């Protein structure tokens, strides 16, 4: 038990001698998703769910693909 206490005291004493930076670096996420909302045009529409996670919305008279 005394060895454990000595270890704690030694660890607390050396932390003030450390030349480490106290600022924390926060990494930005690589990509933030963007949601765009448009006013509906009151026409029939459809959508496609792509394999890469995109959602393509288009008027039913002009179908689109994920390519």
PDB file of N, CA and C in Angstrom:
ATOM      1  N   UNK A   1       0.825  -1.193   0.000  1.00  0.00           N
ATOM      2  CA  UNK A   1       0.000   0.000   0.000  1.00  0.00           C
ATOM      3  C   UNK A   1       0.872   1.259   0.000  1.00  0.00           C
ATOM      4  N   UNK A   2       1.969   1.222   0.756  1.00  0.00           N
ATOM      5  CA  UNK A   2       2.838   2.393   0.802  1.00  0.00           C
ATOM      6  C   UNK A   2       3.516   2.626  -0.548  1.00  0.00           C
ATOM      7  N   UNK A   3       3.800   1.554  -1.284  1.00  0.00           N
ATOM      8  CA  UNK A   3       4.377   1.709  -2.628  1.00  0.00           C
ATOM      9  C   UNK A   3       3.400   2.413  -3.555  1.00  0.00           C
ATOM     10  N   UNK A   4       2.123   2.081  -3.422  1.00  0.00           N
ATOM     11  CA  UNK A   4       1.107   2.709  -4.250  1.00  0.00           C
ATOM     12  C   UNK A   4       0.994   4.200  -3.929  1.00  0.00           C
ATOM     13  N   UNK A   5       1.036   4.552  -2.653  1.00  0.00           N
ATOM     14  CA  UNK A   5       0.970   5.953  -2.252  1.00  0.00           C
ATOM     15  C   UNK A   5       2.185   6.723  -2.753  1.00  0.00           C
ATOM     16  N   UNK A   6       3.358   6.115  -2.659  1.00  0.00           N
ATOM     17  CA  UNK A   6       4.576   6.764  -3.155  1.00  0.00           C
ATOM     18  C   UNK A   6       4.487   6.976  -4.677  1.00  0.00           C
ATOM     19  N   UNK A   7       3.913   6.012  -5.373  1.00  0.00           N
ATOM     20  CA  UNK A   7       3.749   6.135  -6.815  1.00  0.00           C
ATOM     21  C   UNK A   7       2.802   7.293  -7.147  1.00  0.00           C
ATOM     22  N   UNK A   8       1.707   7.432  -6.426  1.00  0.00           N
ATOM     23  CA  UNK A   8       0.775   8.532  -6.641  1.00  0.00           C
ATOM     24  C   UNK A   8       1.425   9.887  -6.364  1.00  0.00           C
ATOM     25  N   UNK A   9       2.195   9.955  -5.297  1.00  0.00           N
ATOM     26  CA  UNK A   9       2.874  11.206  -4.954  1.00  0.00           C
ATOM     27  C   UNK A   9       3.904  11.563  -6.028  1.00  0.00           C
ATOM     28  N   UNK A  10       4.634  10.582  -6.499  1.00  0.00           N
ATOM     29  CA  UNK A  10       5.639  10.826  -7.534  1.00  0.00           C
ATOM     30  C   UNK A  10       4.977  11.256  -8.848  1.00  0.00           C
ATOM     31  N   UNK A  11       3.864  10.635  -9.168  1.00  0.00           N
ATOM     32  CA  UNK A  11       3.175  10.994 -10.404  1.00  0.00           C
ATOM     33  C   UNK A  11       2.601  12.406 -10.312  1.00  0.00           C
ATOM     34  N   UNK A  12       2.091  12.781  -9.183  1.00  0.00           N
ATOM     35  CA  UNK A  12       1.534  14.128  -9.020  1.00  0.00           C
ATOM     36  C   UNK A  12       2.647  15.172  -9.031  1.00  0.00           C
ATOM     37  N   UNK A  13       3.803  14.837  -8.499  1.00  0.00           N
ATOM     38  CA  UNK A  13       4.914  15.785  -8.459  1.00  0.00           C
ATOM     39  C   UNK A  13       5.540  16.021  -9.813  1.00  0.00           C
ATOM     40  N   UNK A  14       5.542  15.008 -10.676  1.00  0.00           N
ATOM     41  CA  UNK A  14       6.183  15.173 -11.980  1.00  0.00           C
ATOM     42  C   UNK A  14       5.272  15.824 -12.991  1.00  0.00           C
ATOM     43  N   UNK A  15       3.967  15.897 -12.726  1.00  0.00           N
ATOM     44  CA  UNK A  15       3.074  16.501 -13.713  1.00  0.00           C
ATOM     45  C   UNK A  15       3.323  17.999 -13.851  1.00  0.00           C
ATOM     46  N   UNK A  16       3.805  18.646 -12.788  1.00  0.00           N
ATOM     47  CA  UNK A  16       4.081  20.075 -12.890  1.00  0.00           C
ATOM     48  C   UNK A  16       5.378  20.339 -13.645  1.00  0.00           C
ATOM     49  N   UNK A  17       6.244  19.337 -13.766  1.00  0.00           N
ATOM     50  CA  UNK A  17       7.497  19.494 -14.486  1.00  0.00           C
ATOM     51  C   UNK A  17       7.360  19.199 -15.976  1.00  0.00           C
ATOM     52  N   UNK A  18       6.239  18.679 -16.359  1.00  0.00           N
ATOM     53  CA  UNK A  18       6.028  18.298 -17.758  1.00  0.00           C
ATOM     54  C   UNK A  18       5.930  19.548 -18.624  1.00  0.00           C
ATOM     55  N   UNK A  19       6.595  19.531 -19.756  1.00  0.00           N
ATOM     56  CA  UNK A  19       6.553  20.662 -20.685  1.00  0.00           C
ATOM     57  C   UNK A  19       5.479  20.434 -21.742  1.00  0.00           C
ATOM     58  N   UNK A  20       4.453  19.695 -21.377  1.00  0.00           N
ATOM     59  CA  UNK A  20       3.383  19.374 -22.322  1.00  0.00           C
ATOM     60  C   UNK A  20       2.440  20.554 -22.479  1.00  0.00           C
ATOM     61  N   UNK A  21       1.831  20.634 -23.630  1.00  0.00           N
ATOM     62  CA  UNK A  21       0.849  21.684 -23.885  1.00  0.00           C
ATOM     63  C   UNK A  21      -0.469  21.298 -23.230  1.00  0.00           C
ATOM     64  N   UNK A  22      -1.113  22.256 -22.596  1.00  0.00           N
ATOM     65  CA  UNK A  22      -2.384  21.970 -21.942  1.00  0.00           C
ATOM     66  C   UNK A  22      -3.559  22.225 -22.862  1.00  0.00           C
ATOM     67  N   UNK A  23      -3.315  22.734 -24.065  1.00  0.00           N
ATOM     68  CA  UNK A  23      -4.406  22.973 -24.998  1.00  0.00           C
ATOM     69  C   UNK A  23      -4.754  21.682 -25.714  1.00  0.00           C
ATOM     70  N   UNK A  24      -6.037  21.441 -25.823  1.00  0.00           N
ATOM     71  CA  UNK A  24      -6.514  20.243 -26.486  1.00  0.00           C
ATOM     72  C   UNK A  24      -6.826  20.554 -27.937  1.00  0.00           C
ATOM     73  N   UNK A  25      -6.297  19.750 -28.822  1.00  0.00           N
ATOM     74  CA  UNK A  25      -6.548  19.916 -30.243  1.00  0.00           C
ATOM     75  C   UNK A  25      -7.794  19.108 -30.600  1.00  0.00           C
ATOM     76  N   UNK A  26      -8.767  19.759 -31.202  1.00  0.00           N
ATOM     77  CA  UNK A  26      -9.982  19.086 -31.628  1.00  0.00           C
ATOM     78  C   UNK A  26      -9.943  18.952 -33.139  1.00  0.00           C
ATOM     79  N   UNK A  27     -10.018  17.717 -33.598  1.00  0.00           N
ATOM     80  CA  UNK A  27      -9.969  17.478 -35.041  1.00  0.00           C
ATOM     81  C   UNK A  27     -11.345  17.743 -35.643  1.00  0.00           C
ATOM     82  N   UNK A  28     -11.356  18.437 -36.776  1.00  0.00           N
ATOM     83  CA  UNK A  28     -12.601  18.710 -37.476  1.00  0.00           C
ATOM     84  C   UNK A  28     -13.030  17.441 -38.214  1.00  0.00           C
ATOM     85  N   UNK A  29     -14.328  17.199 -38.293  1.00  0.00           N
ATOM     86  CA  UNK A  29     -14.753  16.042 -39.080  1.00  0.00           C
ATOM     87  C   UNK A  29     -14.396  16.254 -40.551  1.00  0.00           C
ATOM     88  N   UNK A  30     -14.104  15.189 -41.270  1.00  0.00           N
ATOM     89  CA  UNK A  30     -13.646  15.342 -42.647  1.00  0.00           C
ATOM     90  C   UNK A  30     -14.697  15.931 -43.578  1.00  0.00           C
ATOM     91  N   UNK A  31     -15.972  15.695 -43.310  1.00  0.00           N
ATOM     92  CA  UNK A  31     -17.013  16.201 -44.190  1.00  0.00           C
ATOM     93  C   UNK A  31     -18.288  16.385 -43.386  1.00  0.00           C
ATOM     94  N   UNK A  32     -18.925  17.517 -43.554  1.00  0.00           N
ATOM     95  CA  UNK A  32     -20.196  17.775 -42.888  1.00  0.00           C
ATOM     96  C   UNK A  32     -21.300  17.683 -43.925  1.00  0.00           C
ATOM     97  N   UNK A  33     -22.338  16.938 -43.599  1.00  0.00           N
ATOM     98  CA  UNK A  33     -23.462  16.790 -44.507  1.00  0.00           C
ATOM     99  C   UNK A  33     -24.226  18.115 -44.596  1.00  0.00           C
ATOM    100  N   UNK A  34     -24.714  18.412 -45.778  1.00  0.00           N
ATOM    101  CA  UNK A  34     -25.482  19.631 -46.003  1.00  0.00           C
ATOM    102  C   UNK A  34     -26.886  19.247 -46.452  1.00  0.00           C
ATOM    103  N   UNK A  35     -27.881  19.837 -45.828  1.00  0.00           N
ATOM    104  CA  UNK A  35     -29.264  19.595 -46.209  1.00  0.00           C
ATOM    105  C   UNK A  35     -29.804  20.877 -46.830  1.00  0.00           C
ATOM    106  N   UNK A  36     -30.283  20.762 -48.059  1.00  0.00           N
ATOM    107  CA  UNK A  36     -30.834  21.910 -48.779  1.00  0.00           C
ATOM    108  C   UNK A  36     -32.319  21.664 -48.974  1.00  0.00           C
ATOM    109  N   UNK A  37     -33.139  22.633 -48.578  1.00  0.00           N
ATOM    110  CA  UNK A  37     -34.585  22.500 -48.709  1.00  0.00           C
ATOM    111  C   UNK A  37     -35.075  23.542 -49.703  1.00  0.00           C
ATOM    112  N   UNK A  38     -35.813  23.078 -50.704  1.00  0.00           N
ATOM    113  CA  UNK A  38     -36.385  23.970 -51.716  1.00  0.00           C
ATOM    114  C   UNK A  38     -37.901  23.949 -51.585  1.00  0.00           C
ATOM    115  N   UNK A  39     -38.529  25.048 -51.925  1.00  0.00           N
ATOM    116  CA  UNK A  39     -39.989  25.138 -51.935  1.00  0.00           C
ATOM    117  C   UNK A  39     -40.540  24.194 -53.005  1.00  0.00           C
ATOM    118  N   UNK A  40     -41.532  23.364 -52.677  1.00  0.00           N
ATOM    119  CA  UNK A  40     -42.062  22.442 -53.681  1.00  0.00           C
ATOM    120  C   UNK A  40     -42.745  23.186 -54.830  1.00  0.00           C
ATOM    121  N   UNK A  41     -42.655  22.614 -56.035  1.00  0.00           N
ATOM    122  CA  UNK A  41     -43.225  23.242 -57.222  1.00  0.00           C
ATOM    123  C   UNK A  41     -44.609  22.677 -57.548  1.00  0.00           C
ATOM    124  N   UNK A  42     -45.148  21.846 -56.685  1.00  0.00           N
ATOM    125  CA  UNK A  42     -46.479  21.254 -56.856  1.00  0.00           C
ATOM    126  C   UNK A  42     -46.582  20.393 -58.115  1.00  0.00           C
ATOM    127  N   UNK A  43     -45.520  19.637 -58.394  1.00  0.00           N
ATOM    128  CA  UNK A  43     -45.567  18.698 -59.502  1.00  0.00           C
ATOM    129  C   UNK A  43     -45.152  17.329 -58.984  1.00  0.00           C
ATOM    130  N   UNK A  44     -45.573  16.299 -59.683  1.00  0.00           N
ATOM    131  CA  UNK A  44     -45.242  14.938 -59.282  1.00  0.00           C
ATOM    132  C   UNK A  44     -43.727  14.733 -59.347  1.00  0.00           C
ATOM    133  N   UNK A  45     -43.186  14.039 -58.369  1.00  0.00           N
ATOM    134  CA  UNK A  45     -41.753  13.814 -58.337  1.00  0.00           C
ATOM    135  C   UNK A  45     -41.415  12.400 -57.926  1.00  0.00           C
ATOM    136  N   UNK A  46     -40.154  12.096 -57.959  1.00  0.00           N
ATOM    137  CA  UNK A  46     -39.644  10.791 -57.567  1.00  0.00           C
ATOM    138  C   UNK A  46     -38.247  10.992 -57.006  1.00  0.00           C
ATOM    139  N   UNK A  47     -37.670   9.943 -56.447  1.00  0.00           N
ATOM    140  CA  UNK A  47     -36.319  10.035 -55.905  1.00  0.00           C
ATOM    141  C   UNK A  47     -35.607   8.706 -56.074  1.00  0.00           C
ATOM    142  N   UNK A  48     -34.281   8.755 -56.003  1.00  0.00           N
ATOM    143  CA  UNK A  48     -33.428   7.577 -56.105  1.00  0.00           C
ATOM    144  C   UNK A  48     -32.461   7.607 -54.937  1.00  0.00           C
ATOM    145  N   UNK A  49     -32.308   6.469 -54.247  1.00  0.00           N
ATOM    146  CA  UNK A  49     -31.301   6.329 -53.190  1.00  0.00           C
ATOM    147  C   UNK A  49     -30.077   5.665 -53.800  1.00  0.00           C
ATOM    148  N   UNK A  50     -28.961   6.375 -53.822  1.00  0.00           N
ATOM    149  CA  UNK A  50     -27.729   5.862 -54.420  1.00  0.00           C
ATOM    150  C   UNK A  50     -26.956   5.023 -53.403  1.00  0.00           C
ATOM    151  N   UNK A  51     -26.038   4.185 -53.904  1.00  0.00           N
ATOM    152  CA  UNK A  51     -25.221   3.330 -53.043  1.00  0.00           C
ATOM    153  C   UNK A  51     -24.267   4.135 -52.162  1.00  0.00           C
ATOM    154  N   UNK A  52     -23.857   5.332 -52.614  1.00  0.00           N
ATOM    155  CA  UNK A  52     -22.916   6.146 -51.840  1.00  0.00           C
ATOM    156  C   UNK A  52     -23.611   7.037 -50.812  1.00  0.00           C
ATOM    157  N   UNK A  53     -24.935   6.892 -50.639  1.00  0.00           N
ATOM    158  CA  UNK A  53     -25.640   7.633 -49.609  1.00  0.00           C
ATOM    159  C   UNK A  53     -26.365   8.867 -50.105  1.00  0.00           C
ATOM    160  N   UNK A  54     -26.193   9.224 -51.382  1.00  0.00           N
ATOM    161  CA  UNK A  54     -26.871  10.390 -51.918  1.00  0.00           C
ATOM    162  C   UNK A  54     -28.340  10.080 -52.177  1.00  0.00           C
ATOM    163  N   UNK A  55     -29.168  11.094 -52.091  1.00  0.00           N
ATOM    164  CA  UNK A  55     -30.573  10.998 -52.461  1.00  0.00           C
ATOM    165  C   UNK A  55     -30.799  11.998 -53.584  1.00  0.00           C
ATOM    166  N   UNK A  56     -31.216  11.507 -54.746  1.00  0.00           N
ATOM    167  CA  UNK A  56     -31.463  12.372 -55.895  1.00  0.00           C
ATOM    168  C   UNK A  56     -32.970  12.497 -56.070  1.00  0.00           C
ATOM    169  N   UNK A  57     -33.455  13.729 -56.002  1.00  0.00           N
ATOM    170  CA  UNK A  57     -34.878  14.009 -56.163  1.00  0.00           C
ATOM    171  C   UNK A  57     -35.063  14.720 -57.495  1.00  0.00           C
ATOM    172  N   UNK A  58     -36.080  14.303 -58.254  1.00  0.00           N
ATOM    173  CA  UNK A  58     -36.286  14.865 -59.579  1.00  0.00           C
ATOM    174  C   UNK A  58     -37.772  14.828 -59.929  1.00  0.00           C
ATOM    175  N   UNK A  59     -38.200  15.655 -60.897  1.00  0.00           N
ATOM    176  CA  UNK A  59     -39.584  15.576 -61.365  1.00  0.00           C
ATOM    177  C   UNK A  59     -39.816  14.239 -62.073  1.00  0.00           C
ATOM    178  N   UNK A  60     -41.012  13.708 -61.962  1.00  0.00           N
ATOM    179  CA  UNK A  60     -41.309  12.410 -62.563  1.00  0.00           C
ATOM    180  C   UNK A  60     -41.153  12.442 -64.075  1.00  0.00           C
ATOM    181  N   UNK A  61     -41.306  13.615 -64.680  1.00  0.00           N
ATOM    182  CA  UNK A  61     -41.185  13.718 -66.132  1.00  0.00           C
ATOM    183  C   UNK A  61     -39.727  13.713 -66.613  1.00  0.00           C
ATOM    184  N   UNK A  62     -38.749  13.905 -65.684  1.00  0.00           N
ATOM    185  CA  UNK A  62     -37.333  13.912 -66.037  1.00  0.00           C
ATOM    186  C   UNK A  62     -36.550  12.999 -65.092  1.00  0.00           C
ATOM    187  N   UNK A  63     -36.646  11.673 -65.248  1.00  0.00           N
ATOM    188  CA  UNK A  63     -35.946  10.761 -64.326  1.00  0.00           C
ATOM    189  C   UNK A  63     -34.432  10.888 -64.419  1.00  0.00           C
ATOM    190  N   UNK A  64     -33.759  10.651 -63.292  1.00  0.00           N
ATOM    191  CA  UNK A  64     -32.299  10.725 -63.223  1.00  0.00           C
ATOM    192  C   UNK A  64     -31.767   9.435 -62.610  1.00  0.00           C
ATOM    193  N   UNK A  65     -30.460   9.208 -62.761  1.00  0.00           N
ATOM    194  CA  UNK A  65     -29.801   8.031 -62.178  1.00  0.00           C
ATOM    195  C   UNK A  65     -28.667   8.486 -61.277  1.00  0.00           C
ATOM    196  N   UNK A  66     -28.042   7.551 -60.627  1.00  0.00           N
ATOM    197  CA  UNK A  66     -26.955   7.854 -59.674  1.00  0.00           C
ATOM    198  C   UNK A  66     -25.613   8.083 -60.349  1.00  0.00           C
ATOM    199  N   UNK A  67     -25.516   7.968 -61.657  1.00  0.00           N
ATOM    200  CA  UNK A  67     -24.223   8.130 -62.322  1.00  0.00           C
ATOM    201  C   UNK A  67     -23.780   9.548 -62.392  1.00  0.00           C
TER     202      UNK A  67
END
